[in-house]
Amino acid sequence: MDRLTSMAVYVKAVDLGSFAAAADALGISPQMGSKHIVFLEDRVGATLLHRTTRRQNITDIGRAFYERCRLILSEAEAAEGLASEMHRHPKGLLKVNAPKTFGTLALAPFVTRFLEKYPDVQVEVTLEDRFVDPLEEGFDVTIRVGRAENAGLAAVPLAPYELVVCAAPAYLDRHGAPETPQDLTRHECLIFGQRAGHTPCRWLFTEDGREREVQVSGRLYSNDWMVLMRAAVEGHGVALGSDIILREELKAGRLVRLLADYRTPPRPMHALYPMRGKPSAKIMRFVEGLAEAFPPRPDGYPSARQASGVT
């Protein structure tokens, strides 16, 4: 038998003075009510109520047990109420994981607006580019670029991670603008990653459904996109970066998009969250806001909307 249910029957029997009244109030038979009391007495190894055909008397042990049961039932009810409230209204700590560059330049402004709208939520953001297992590491929401294959996780599609070619007006004034991907071989390119000996860097483009690979070179390599973006803005070369991340620089005119007739193969991006039970309100509002701020367009490419609003 369920111990809390048995405690509830016992407290009700003491409060109302009879098994029959308690059973009627709880919608069970008097025989079932008696079984709950016997179950508790067997567990504690003592008589809680002296019962006759006419009346019941509570024992000293039964009275002490009654007071404790009332406290336990009250705490259990409060705990259930709190859990229910947190499912309905965003509240508590939300642990989020995302790639470094996306997290710094695109997710951060979204998070601050989310916090403004939901003052009872605290957000802990961890940024790293390694593969993360959300279930093992305890993340509520994980933003993943690439395939979203994880058992036990729900995956909400976001804007695909598409790369665009860009450069500063000052650089283009000095060197001109490339008209085809092949023209990039004659330009100073800013390369994401670490230099691997004599292994060339290749940028991949698609045109009319066909892929075209271009070998590029440059003097600046970095595994931090902020370094490359700063160099690009200051006119030191051509960069290949995320459309979502570069949007503000392009909009402000500090960078100019190049090769607009060519695309790079987009990589899928998803917001992942555990499927255990019903997700809490804080998780659902955060994921719904991400899908609104970073929606995939029908053609599979990101929309031009800046990630600044929270629904």
C-alpha atoms as a PDB file:
ATOM      1  CA  MET A   1       0.000   0.000   0.000  1.00  0.00           C
ATOM      2  CA  ASP A   2       1.022   3.595  -0.486  1.00  0.00           C
ATOM      3  CA  ARG A   3       2.244   4.965   2.830  1.00  0.00           C
ATOM      4  CA  LEU A   4       1.079   8.548   2.234  1.00  0.00           C
ATOM      5  CA  THR A   5      -2.423   7.349   1.341  1.00  0.00           C
ATOM      6  CA  SER A   6      -2.522   5.246   4.492  1.00  0.00           C
ATOM      7  CA  MET A   7      -1.415   8.245   6.559  1.00  0.00           C
ATOM      8  CA  ALA A   8      -4.174  10.341   4.980  1.00  0.00           C
ATOM      9  CA  VAL A   9      -6.769   7.698   5.924  1.00  0.00           C
ATOM     10  CA  TYR A  10      -5.415   7.527   9.479  1.00  0.00           C
ATOM     11  CA  VAL A  11      -5.460  11.310   9.982  1.00  0.00           C
ATOM     12  CA  LYS A  12      -8.978  11.526   8.569  1.00  0.00           C
ATOM     13  CA  ALA A  13     -10.169   8.701  10.869  1.00  0.00           C
ATOM     14  CA  VAL A  14      -8.746  10.481  13.919  1.00  0.00           C
ATOM     15  CA  ASP A  15     -10.186  13.843  12.849  1.00  0.00           C
ATOM     16  CA  LEU A  16     -13.689  12.449  12.205  1.00  0.00           C
ATOM     17  CA  GLY A  17     -13.703   9.897  15.048  1.00  0.00           C
ATOM     18  CA  SER A  18     -14.626   6.833  12.994  1.00  0.00           C
ATOM     19  CA  PHE A  19     -13.472   4.623  10.134  1.00  0.00           C
ATOM     20  CA  ALA A  20     -16.852   4.845   8.438  1.00  0.00           C
ATOM     21  CA  ALA A  21     -16.825   8.643   8.340  1.00  0.00           C
ATOM     22  CA  ALA A  22     -13.210   8.706   7.122  1.00  0.00           C
ATOM     23  CA  ALA A  23     -13.938   6.141   4.416  1.00  0.00           C
ATOM     24  CA  ASP A  24     -16.990   8.062   3.246  1.00  0.00           C
ATOM     25  CA  ALA A  25     -15.049  11.332   3.127  1.00  0.00           C
ATOM     26  CA  LEU A  26     -12.240   9.739   1.100  1.00  0.00           C
ATOM     27  CA  GLY A  27     -14.484   7.732  -1.207  1.00  0.00           C
ATOM     28  CA  ILE A  28     -13.301   4.273  -0.119  1.00  0.00           C
ATOM     29  CA  SER A  29     -14.996   1.368   1.643  1.00  0.00           C
ATOM     30  CA  PRO A  30     -14.775   1.008   5.458  1.00  0.00           C
ATOM     31  CA  GLN A  31     -12.960  -2.312   4.912  1.00  0.00           C
ATOM     32  CA  MET A  32     -10.305  -0.624   2.795  1.00  0.00           C
ATOM     33  CA  GLY A  33      -9.958   2.110   5.419  1.00  0.00           C
ATOM     34  CA  SER A  34      -9.366  -0.546   8.072  1.00  0.00           C
ATOM     35  CA  LYS A  35      -6.691  -2.180   5.891  1.00  0.00           C
ATOM     36  CA  HIS A  36      -4.803   1.131   5.668  1.00  0.00           C
ATOM     37  CA  ILE A  37      -4.721   1.451   9.471  1.00  0.00           C
ATOM     38  CA  VAL A  38      -3.575  -2.158   9.908  1.00  0.00           C
ATOM     39  CA  PHE A  39      -0.852  -1.524   7.314  1.00  0.00           C
ATOM     40  CA  LEU A  40       0.493   1.418   9.352  1.00  0.00           C
ATOM     41  CA  GLU A  41       0.291  -0.466  12.636  1.00  0.00           C
ATOM     42  CA  ASP A  42       2.247  -3.335  11.121  1.00  0.00           C
ATOM     43  CA  ARG A  43       4.918  -0.917   9.913  1.00  0.00           C
ATOM     44  CA  VAL A  44       5.381   0.859  13.262  1.00  0.00           C
ATOM     45  CA  GLY A  45       4.857  -2.313  15.302  1.00  0.00           C
ATOM     46  CA  ALA A  46       2.350  -0.724  17.665  1.00  0.00           C
ATOM     47  CA  THR A  47      -1.375  -0.150  18.058  1.00  0.00           C
ATOM     48  CA  LEU A  48      -2.445   3.297  16.919  1.00  0.00           C
ATOM     49  CA  LEU A  49      -6.179   3.026  17.578  1.00  0.00           C
ATOM     50  CA  HIS A  50      -8.181   0.851  19.981  1.00  0.00           C
ATOM     51  CA  ARG A  51     -11.255  -0.152  17.994  1.00  0.00           C
ATOM     52  CA  THR A  52     -14.596  -1.587  19.143  1.00  0.00           C
ATOM     53  CA  THR A  53     -17.911  -1.896  17.382  1.00  0.00           C
ATOM     54  CA  ARG A  54     -19.080   1.330  19.024  1.00  0.00           C
ATOM     55  CA  ARG A  55     -16.052   3.593  19.263  1.00  0.00           C
ATOM     56  CA  GLN A  56     -12.329   4.096  18.667  1.00  0.00           C
ATOM     57  CA  ASN A  57      -9.733   5.470  21.064  1.00  0.00           C
ATOM     58  CA  ILE A  58      -6.322   6.789  20.037  1.00  0.00           C
ATOM     59  CA  THR A  59      -3.277   5.450  21.913  1.00  0.00           C
ATOM     60  CA  ASP A  60      -0.382   7.580  23.137  1.00  0.00           C
ATOM     61  CA  ILE A  61       1.767   6.256  20.312  1.00  0.00           C
ATOM     62  CA  GLY A  62      -1.127   6.854  17.933  1.00  0.00           C
ATOM     63  CA  ARG A  63      -1.423  10.505  19.008  1.00  0.00           C
ATOM     64  CA  ALA A  64       2.292  11.175  18.502  1.00  0.00           C
ATOM     65  CA  PHE A  65       2.117   9.389  15.155  1.00  0.00           C
ATOM     66  CA  TYR A  66      -0.963  11.431  14.194  1.00  0.00           C
ATOM     67  CA  GLU A  67       0.860  14.737  14.762  1.00  0.00           C
ATOM     68  CA  ARG A  68       3.779  13.611  12.617  1.00  0.00           C
ATOM     69  CA  CYS A  69       1.480  12.366   9.882  1.00  0.00           C
ATOM     70  CA  ARG A  70      -0.235  15.755   9.704  1.00  0.00           C
ATOM     71  CA  LEU A  71       3.139  17.465   9.206  1.00  0.00           C
ATOM     72  CA  ILE A  72       4.242  14.946   6.567  1.00  0.00           C
ATOM     73  CA  LEU A  73       0.982  15.245   4.624  1.00  0.00           C
ATOM     74  CA  SER A  74       1.156  19.024   4.793  1.00  0.00           C
ATOM     75  CA  GLU A  75       4.745  19.016   3.449  1.00  0.00           C
ATOM     76  CA  ALA A  76       3.821  16.558   0.705  1.00  0.00           C
ATOM     77  CA  GLU A  77       0.916  18.758  -0.373  1.00  0.00           C
ATOM     78  CA  ALA A  78       3.159  21.824  -0.367  1.00  0.00           C
ATOM     79  CA  ALA A  79       5.794  19.988  -2.444  1.00  0.00           C
ATOM     80  CA  GLU A  80       3.193  18.920  -4.996  1.00  0.00           C
ATOM     81  CA  GLY A  81       1.835  22.447  -5.159  1.00  0.00           C
ATOM     82  CA  LEU A  82       5.315  23.877  -5.733  1.00  0.00           C
ATOM     83  CA  ALA A  83       6.072  21.333  -8.464  1.00  0.00           C
ATOM     84  CA  SER A  84       2.744  22.062 -10.138  1.00  0.00           C
ATOM     85  CA  GLU A  85       3.374  25.801  -9.949  1.00  0.00           C
ATOM     86  CA  MET A  86       6.836  25.414 -11.488  1.00  0.00           C
ATOM     87  CA  HIS A  87       5.337  23.407 -14.359  1.00  0.00           C
ATOM     88  CA  ARG A  88       2.827  26.163 -15.039  1.00  0.00           C
ATOM     89  CA  HIS A  89       5.063  29.197 -14.449  1.00  0.00           C
ATOM     90  CA  PRO A  90       8.772  29.455 -15.333  1.00  0.00           C
ATOM     91  CA  LYS A  91      10.796  29.346 -12.129  1.00  0.00           C
ATOM     92  CA  GLY A  92      14.137  28.045 -10.871  1.00  0.00           C
ATOM     93  CA  LEU A  93      17.587  27.355 -12.370  1.00  0.00           C
ATOM     94  CA  LEU A  94      17.865  26.588 -16.104  1.00  0.00           C
ATOM     95  CA  LYS A  95      21.156  25.032 -17.250  1.00  0.00           C
ATOM     96  CA  VAL A  96      21.957  25.730 -20.910  1.00  0.00           C
ATOM     97  CA  ASN A  97      24.818  24.497 -23.092  1.00  0.00           C
ATOM     98  CA  ALA A  98      25.764  25.943 -26.500  1.00  0.00           C
ATOM     99  CA  PRO A  99      28.731  26.244 -28.892  1.00  0.00           C
ATOM    100  CA  LYS A 100      31.099  29.076 -27.959  1.00  0.00           C
ATOM    101  CA  THR A 101      30.694  31.379 -30.930  1.00  0.00           C
ATOM    102  CA  PHE A 102      26.935  31.013 -31.235  1.00  0.00           C
ATOM    103  CA  GLY A 103      26.562  31.357 -27.480  1.00  0.00           C
ATOM    104  CA  THR A 104      28.641  34.512 -27.244  1.00  0.00           C
ATOM    105  CA  LEU A 105      27.300  36.421 -30.226  1.00  0.00           C
ATOM    106  CA  ALA A 106      23.738  35.132 -30.738  1.00  0.00           C
ATOM    107  CA  LEU A 107      22.492  33.334 -27.624  1.00  0.00           C
ATOM    108  CA  ALA A 108      23.676  35.906 -25.059  1.00  0.00           C
ATOM    109  CA  PRO A 109      21.285  38.713 -26.132  1.00  0.00           C
ATOM    110  CA  PHE A 110      18.413  36.216 -26.247  1.00  0.00           C
ATOM    111  CA  VAL A 111      19.162  35.053 -22.694  1.00  0.00           C
ATOM    112  CA  THR A 112      19.195  38.566 -21.258  1.00  0.00           C
ATOM    113  CA  ARG A 113      15.766  39.271 -22.739  1.00  0.00           C
ATOM    114  CA  PHE A 114      14.481  35.933 -21.474  1.00  0.00           C
ATOM    115  CA  LEU A 115      15.604  36.894 -17.963  1.00  0.00           C
ATOM    116  CA  GLU A 116      13.850  40.243 -18.266  1.00  0.00           C
ATOM    117  CA  LYS A 117      10.571  38.529 -19.131  1.00  0.00           C
ATOM    118  CA  TYR A 118      10.817  35.744 -16.520  1.00  0.00           C
ATOM    119  CA  PRO A 119      12.210  37.240 -13.289  1.00  0.00           C
ATOM    120  CA  ASP A 120      11.804  33.974 -11.317  1.00  0.00           C
ATOM    121  CA  VAL A 121      14.216  32.084 -13.583  1.00  0.00           C
ATOM    122  CA  GLN A 122      17.994  31.893 -13.204  1.00  0.00           C
ATOM    123  CA  VAL A 123      20.035  30.794 -16.243  1.00  0.00           C
ATOM    124  CA  GLU A 124      23.451  29.148 -16.149  1.00  0.00           C
ATOM    125  CA  VAL A 125      25.059  29.181 -19.621  1.00  0.00           C
ATOM    126  CA  THR A 126      28.016  26.896 -20.400  1.00  0.00           C
ATOM    127  CA  LEU A 127      29.786  27.474 -23.728  1.00  0.00           C
ATOM    128  CA  GLU A 128      32.002  24.793 -25.264  1.00  0.00           C
ATOM    129  CA  ASP A 129      32.554  23.266 -28.672  1.00  0.00           C
ATOM    130  CA  ARG A 130      32.947  19.627 -27.601  1.00  0.00           C
ATOM    131  CA  PHE A 131      30.150  17.064 -27.961  1.00  0.00           C
ATOM    132  CA  VAL A 132      27.933  17.193 -24.860  1.00  0.00           C
ATOM    133  CA  ASP A 133      25.620  14.506 -23.488  1.00  0.00           C
ATOM    134  CA  PRO A 134      22.830  16.570 -21.858  1.00  0.00           C
ATOM    135  CA  LEU A 135      21.478  13.635 -19.847  1.00  0.00           C
ATOM    136  CA  GLU A 136      24.867  12.694 -18.423  1.00  0.00           C
ATOM    137  CA  GLU A 137      25.908  16.273 -17.677  1.00  0.00           C
ATOM    138  CA  GLY A 138      22.609  17.615 -16.402  1.00  0.00           C
ATOM    139  CA  PHE A 139      21.795  20.313 -18.966  1.00  0.00           C
ATOM    140  CA  ASP A 140      18.153  21.358 -19.323  1.00  0.00           C
ATOM    141  CA  VAL A 141      18.607  22.771 -22.848  1.00  0.00           C
ATOM    142  CA  THR A 142      21.471  22.036 -25.246  1.00  0.00           C
ATOM    143  CA  ILE A 143      21.951  23.810 -28.558  1.00  0.00           C
ATOM    144  CA  ARG A 144      23.706  21.531 -31.000  1.00  0.00           C
ATOM    145  CA  VAL A 145      25.033  22.225 -34.473  1.00  0.00           C
ATOM    146  CA  GLY A 146      24.992  19.058 -36.571  1.00  0.00           C
ATOM    147  CA  ARG A 147      22.932  15.903 -36.357  1.00  0.00           C
ATOM    148  CA  ALA A 148      20.625  15.664 -33.347  1.00  0.00           C
ATOM    149  CA  GLU A 149      20.808  11.981 -32.509  1.00  0.00           C
ATOM    150  CA  ASN A 150      20.389  11.314 -28.805  1.00  0.00           C
ATOM    151  CA  ALA A 151      18.069   8.798 -27.200  1.00  0.00           C
ATOM    152  CA  GLY A 152      15.855  10.345 -24.566  1.00  0.00           C
ATOM    153  CA  LEU A 153      16.044  13.864 -26.002  1.00  0.00           C
ATOM    154  CA  ALA A 154      13.466  15.962 -27.828  1.00  0.00           C
ATOM    155  CA  ALA A 155      14.913  18.014 -30.700  1.00  0.00           C
ATOM    156  CA  VAL A 156      13.389  21.337 -31.806  1.00  0.00           C
ATOM    157  CA  PRO A 157      14.737  22.575 -35.190  1.00  0.00           C
ATOM    158  CA  LEU A 158      16.330  26.020 -35.232  1.00  0.00           C
ATOM    159  CA  ALA A 159      17.776  28.073 -38.092  1.00  0.00           C
ATOM    160  CA  PRO A 160      20.442  25.994 -39.859  1.00  0.00           C
ATOM    161  CA  TYR A 161      24.022  27.076 -39.320  1.00  0.00           C
ATOM    162  CA  GLU A 162      24.827  28.616 -42.713  1.00  0.00           C
ATOM    163  CA  LEU A 163      28.153  30.305 -43.446  1.00  0.00           C
ATOM    164  CA  VAL A 164      28.533  33.456 -45.539  1.00  0.00           C
ATOM    165  CA  VAL A 165      31.575  35.133 -47.077  1.00  0.00           C
ATOM    166  CA  CYS A 166      32.214  38.750 -46.096  1.00  0.00           C
ATOM    167  CA  ALA A 167      34.840  41.475 -45.888  1.00  0.00           C
ATOM    168  CA  ALA A 168      35.119  45.081 -44.773  1.00  0.00           C
ATOM    169  CA  PRO A 169      34.596  47.945 -47.254  1.00  0.00           C
ATOM    170  CA  ALA A 170      38.218  49.035 -46.636  1.00  0.00           C
ATOM    171  CA  TYR A 171      39.537  45.642 -47.703  1.00  0.00           C
ATOM    172  CA  LEU A 172      37.345  45.627 -50.814  1.00  0.00           C
ATOM    173  CA  ASP A 173      38.540  49.120 -51.752  1.00  0.00           C
ATOM    174  CA  ARG A 174      42.133  47.839 -51.752  1.00  0.00           C
ATOM    175  CA  HIS A 175      41.676  44.364 -53.236  1.00  0.00           C
ATOM    176  CA  GLY A 176      38.330  44.314 -55.025  1.00  0.00           C
ATOM    177  CA  ALA A 177      35.507  41.848 -54.486  1.00  0.00           C
ATOM    178  CA  PRO A 178      35.645  38.199 -55.569  1.00  0.00           C
ATOM    179  CA  GLU A 179      32.999  37.351 -58.161  1.00  0.00           C
ATOM    180  CA  THR A 180      33.253  33.557 -57.930  1.00  0.00           C
ATOM    181  CA  PRO A 181      34.450  31.203 -55.181  1.00  0.00           C
ATOM    182  CA  GLN A 182      37.567  30.471 -57.259  1.00  0.00           C
ATOM    183  CA  ASP A 183      38.554  34.142 -56.973  1.00  0.00           C
ATOM    184  CA  LEU A 184      39.114  33.594 -53.238  1.00  0.00           C
ATOM    185  CA  THR A 185      42.415  31.855 -54.045  1.00  0.00           C
ATOM    186  CA  ARG A 186      43.809  35.324 -54.834  1.00  0.00           C
ATOM    187  CA  HIS A 187      42.578  36.900 -51.576  1.00  0.00           C
ATOM    188  CA  GLU A 188      43.830  37.029 -48.000  1.00  0.00           C
ATOM    189  CA  CYS A 189      41.427  34.759 -46.116  1.00  0.00           C
ATOM    190  CA  LEU A 190      40.822  34.623 -42.363  1.00  0.00           C
ATOM    191  CA  ILE A 191      40.713  30.972 -41.382  1.00  0.00           C
ATOM    192  CA  PHE A 192      38.814  29.417 -38.500  1.00  0.00           C
ATOM    193  CA  GLY A 193      40.753  26.613 -36.811  1.00  0.00           C
ATOM    194  CA  GLN A 194      44.349  25.760 -36.173  1.00  0.00           C
ATOM    195  CA  ARG A 195      47.021  25.571 -38.835  1.00  0.00           C
ATOM    196  CA  ALA A 196      47.724  21.899 -39.597  1.00  0.00           C
ATOM    197  CA  GLY A 197      51.182  21.821 -41.167  1.00  0.00           C
ATOM    198  CA  HIS A 198      50.970  21.983 -44.940  1.00  0.00           C
ATOM    199  CA  THR A 199      47.369  20.774 -45.076  1.00  0.00           C
ATOM    200  CA  PRO A 200      45.433  23.341 -47.129  1.00  0.00           C
ATOM    201  CA  CYS A 201      42.201  24.943 -45.921  1.00  0.00           C
ATOM    202  CA  ARG A 202      39.157  24.294 -48.092  1.00  0.00           C
ATOM    203  CA  TRP A 203      35.915  26.253 -48.221  1.00  0.00           C
ATOM    204  CA  LEU A 204      32.908  24.454 -49.688  1.00  0.00           C
ATOM    205  CA  PHE A 205      30.186  26.132 -51.775  1.00  0.00           C
ATOM    206  CA  THR A 206      27.071  24.970 -53.614  1.00  0.00           C
ATOM    207  CA  GLU A 207      25.724  26.312 -56.896  1.00  0.00           C
ATOM    208  CA  ASP A 208      22.714  24.845 -58.701  1.00  0.00           C
ATOM    209  CA  GLY A 209      22.849  21.827 -56.409  1.00  0.00           C
ATOM    210  CA  ARG A 210      26.513  21.122 -57.167  1.00  0.00           C
ATOM    211  CA  GLU A 211      29.311  21.431 -54.627  1.00  0.00           C
ATOM    212  CA  ARG A 212      32.465  23.371 -55.348  1.00  0.00           C
ATOM    213  CA  GLU A 213      35.550  23.163 -53.154  1.00  0.00           C
ATOM    214  CA  VAL A 214      38.009  26.059 -53.062  1.00  0.00           C
ATOM    215  CA  GLN A 215      41.463  25.963 -51.511  1.00  0.00           C
ATOM    216  CA  VAL A 216      42.062  29.221 -49.630  1.00  0.00           C
ATOM    217  CA  SER A 217      45.049  30.596 -47.765  1.00  0.00           C
ATOM    218  CA  GLY A 218      45.822  33.383 -45.367  1.00  0.00           C
ATOM    219  CA  ARG A 219      48.142  34.487 -42.595  1.00  0.00           C
ATOM    220  CA  LEU A 220      45.671  34.543 -39.699  1.00  0.00           C
ATOM    221  CA  TYR A 221      44.271  31.361 -38.148  1.00  0.00           C
ATOM    222  CA  SER A 222      42.212  31.248 -34.965  1.00  0.00           C
ATOM    223  CA  ASN A 223      39.853  28.884 -33.148  1.00  0.00           C
ATOM    224  CA  ASP A 224      38.037  31.930 -31.750  1.00  0.00           C
ATOM    225  CA  TRP A 225      35.617  33.550 -34.167  1.00  0.00           C
ATOM    226  CA  MET A 226      35.770  36.882 -32.323  1.00  0.00           C
ATOM    227  CA  VAL A 227      39.436  37.210 -33.358  1.00  0.00           C
ATOM    228  CA  LEU A 228      38.586  36.622 -37.008  1.00  0.00           C
ATOM    229  CA  MET A 229      35.572  38.918 -36.999  1.00  0.00           C
ATOM    230  CA  ARG A 230      37.602  41.745 -35.478  1.00  0.00           C
ATOM    231  CA  ALA A 231      40.290  41.247 -38.124  1.00  0.00           C
ATOM    232  CA  ALA A 232      37.655  41.237 -40.866  1.00  0.00           C
ATOM    233  CA  VAL A 233      36.003  44.439 -39.591  1.00  0.00           C
ATOM    234  CA  GLU A 234      39.411  46.131 -39.522  1.00  0.00           C
ATOM    235  CA  GLY A 235      40.007  45.221 -43.168  1.00  0.00           C
ATOM    236  CA  HIS A 236      42.577  42.458 -42.844  1.00  0.00           C
ATOM    237  CA  GLY A 237      40.933  39.831 -45.034  1.00  0.00           C
ATOM    238  CA  VAL A 238      37.933  37.809 -46.198  1.00  0.00           C
ATOM    239  CA  ALA A 239      36.031  35.820 -43.576  1.00  0.00           C
ATOM    240  CA  LEU A 240      33.664  32.859 -43.722  1.00  0.00           C
ATOM    241  CA  GLY A 241      31.297  32.962 -40.757  1.00  0.00           C
ATOM    242  CA  SER A 242      27.796  32.198 -39.538  1.00  0.00           C
ATOM    243  CA  ASP A 243      24.966  34.234 -41.030  1.00  0.00           C
ATOM    244  CA  ILE A 244      23.316  34.469 -37.600  1.00  0.00           C
ATOM    245  CA  ILE A 245      26.475  35.714 -35.909  1.00  0.00           C
ATOM    246  CA  LEU A 246      27.507  38.196 -38.603  1.00  0.00           C
ATOM    247  CA  ARG A 247      24.064  39.731 -39.039  1.00  0.00           C
ATOM    248  CA  GLU A 248      24.665  42.858 -36.947  1.00  0.00           C
ATOM    249  CA  GLU A 249      28.025  43.611 -38.626  1.00  0.00           C
ATOM    250  CA  LEU A 250      26.444  43.178 -42.060  1.00  0.00           C
ATOM    251  CA  LYS A 251      23.421  45.258 -41.134  1.00  0.00           C
ATOM    252  CA  ALA A 252      25.617  48.089 -39.832  1.00  0.00           C
ATOM    253  CA  GLY A 253      27.750  48.053 -42.985  1.00  0.00           C
ATOM    254  CA  ARG A 254      30.963  47.203 -41.139  1.00  0.00           C
ATOM    255  CA  LEU A 255      31.103  44.047 -43.263  1.00  0.00           C
ATOM    256  CA  VAL A 256      29.785  43.386 -46.788  1.00  0.00           C
ATOM    257  CA  ARG A 257      28.416  40.020 -47.877  1.00  0.00           C
ATOM    258  CA  LEU A 258      30.208  38.558 -50.877  1.00  0.00           C
ATOM    259  CA  LEU A 259      29.335  35.798 -53.356  1.00  0.00           C
ATOM    260  CA  ALA A 260      25.622  36.106 -52.558  1.00  0.00           C
ATOM    261  CA  ASP A 261      24.754  33.794 -55.473  1.00  0.00           C
ATOM    262  CA  TYR A 262      26.665  30.969 -53.834  1.00  0.00           C
ATOM    263  CA  ARG A 263      25.784  29.130 -50.629  1.00  0.00           C
ATOM    264  CA  THR A 264      27.702  27.003 -48.232  1.00  0.00           C
ATOM    265  CA  PRO A 265      26.048  23.704 -47.241  1.00  0.00           C
ATOM    266  CA  PRO A 266      23.930  24.538 -44.170  1.00  0.00           C
ATOM    267  CA  ARG A 267      24.355  22.424 -41.034  1.00  0.00           C
ATOM    268  CA  PRO A 268      21.250  21.650 -38.980  1.00  0.00           C
ATOM    269  CA  MET A 269      20.912  23.230 -35.541  1.00  0.00           C
ATOM    270  CA  HIS A 270      18.559  22.036 -32.791  1.00  0.00           C
ATOM    271  CA  ALA A 271      17.549  22.835 -29.235  1.00  0.00           C
ATOM    272  CA  LEU A 272      17.613  19.576 -27.273  1.00  0.00           C
ATOM    273  CA  TYR A 273      15.895  18.888 -23.962  1.00  0.00           C
ATOM    274  CA  PRO A 274      15.230  15.710 -21.927  1.00  0.00           C
ATOM    275  CA  MET A 275      11.986  13.835 -22.593  1.00  0.00           C
ATOM    276  CA  ARG A 276      11.675  12.476 -19.033  1.00  0.00           C
ATOM    277  CA  GLY A 277       8.110  13.234 -17.943  1.00  0.00           C
ATOM    278  CA  LYS A 278       6.493  16.552 -18.786  1.00  0.00           C
ATOM    279  CA  PRO A 279       9.059  19.350 -19.338  1.00  0.00           C
ATOM    280  CA  SER A 280       8.879  22.221 -16.879  1.00  0.00           C
ATOM    281  CA  ALA A 281       7.589  25.624 -17.920  1.00  0.00           C
ATOM    282  CA  LYS A 282      11.073  27.177 -17.773  1.00  0.00           C
ATOM    283  CA  ILE A 283      12.356  24.651 -20.338  1.00  0.00           C
ATOM    284  CA  MET A 284       9.363  24.992 -22.661  1.00  0.00           C
ATOM    285  CA  ARG A 285       9.312  28.807 -22.604  1.00  0.00           C
ATOM    286  CA  PHE A 286      13.069  28.888 -23.324  1.00  0.00           C
ATOM    287  CA  VAL A 287      12.869  26.386 -26.197  1.00  0.00           C
ATOM    288  CA  GLU A 288       9.774  28.049 -27.666  1.00  0.00           C
ATOM    289  CA  GLY A 289      11.560  31.398 -27.498  1.00  0.00           C
ATOM    290  CA  LEU A 290      14.600  29.955 -29.294  1.00  0.00           C
ATOM    291  CA  ALA A 291      12.409  28.560 -32.069  1.00  0.00           C
ATOM    292  CA  GLU A 292      10.777  31.975 -32.448  1.00  0.00           C
ATOM    293  CA  ALA A 293      14.073  33.886 -32.404  1.00  0.00           C
ATOM    294  CA  PHE A 294      15.973  31.499 -34.696  1.00  0.00           C
ATOM    295  CA  PRO A 295      13.292  30.023 -37.011  1.00  0.00           C
ATOM    296  CA  PRO A 296      14.203  27.915 -40.045  1.00  0.00           C
ATOM    297  CA  ARG A 297      12.767  29.290 -43.255  1.00  0.00           C
ATOM    298  CA  PRO A 298      10.716  27.003 -45.528  1.00  0.00           C
ATOM    299  CA  ASP A 299      13.676  26.748 -47.906  1.00  0.00           C
ATOM    300  CA  GLY A 300      15.835  25.455 -45.070  1.00  0.00           C
ATOM    301  CA  TYR A 301      17.942  28.598 -44.650  1.00  0.00           C
ATOM    302  CA  PRO A 302      17.920  31.006 -41.706  1.00  0.00           C
ATOM    303  CA  SER A 303      15.554  33.928 -41.724  1.00  0.00           C
ATOM    304  CA  ALA A 304      16.901  37.443 -41.407  1.00  0.00           C
ATOM    305  CA  ARG A 305      15.321  37.986 -38.013  1.00  0.00           C
ATOM    306  CA  GLN A 306      17.792  39.029 -35.311  1.00  0.00           C
ATOM    307  CA  ALA A 307      17.705  36.957 -32.120  1.00  0.00           C
ATOM    308  CA  SER A 308      16.429  39.632 -29.819  1.00  0.00           C
ATOM    309  CA  GLY A 309      12.807  38.833 -28.997  1.00  0.00           C
ATOM    310  CA  VAL A 310      11.368  36.395 -26.476  1.00  0.00           C
ATOM    311  CA  THR A 311       7.810  35.127 -26.723  1.00  0.00           C
END
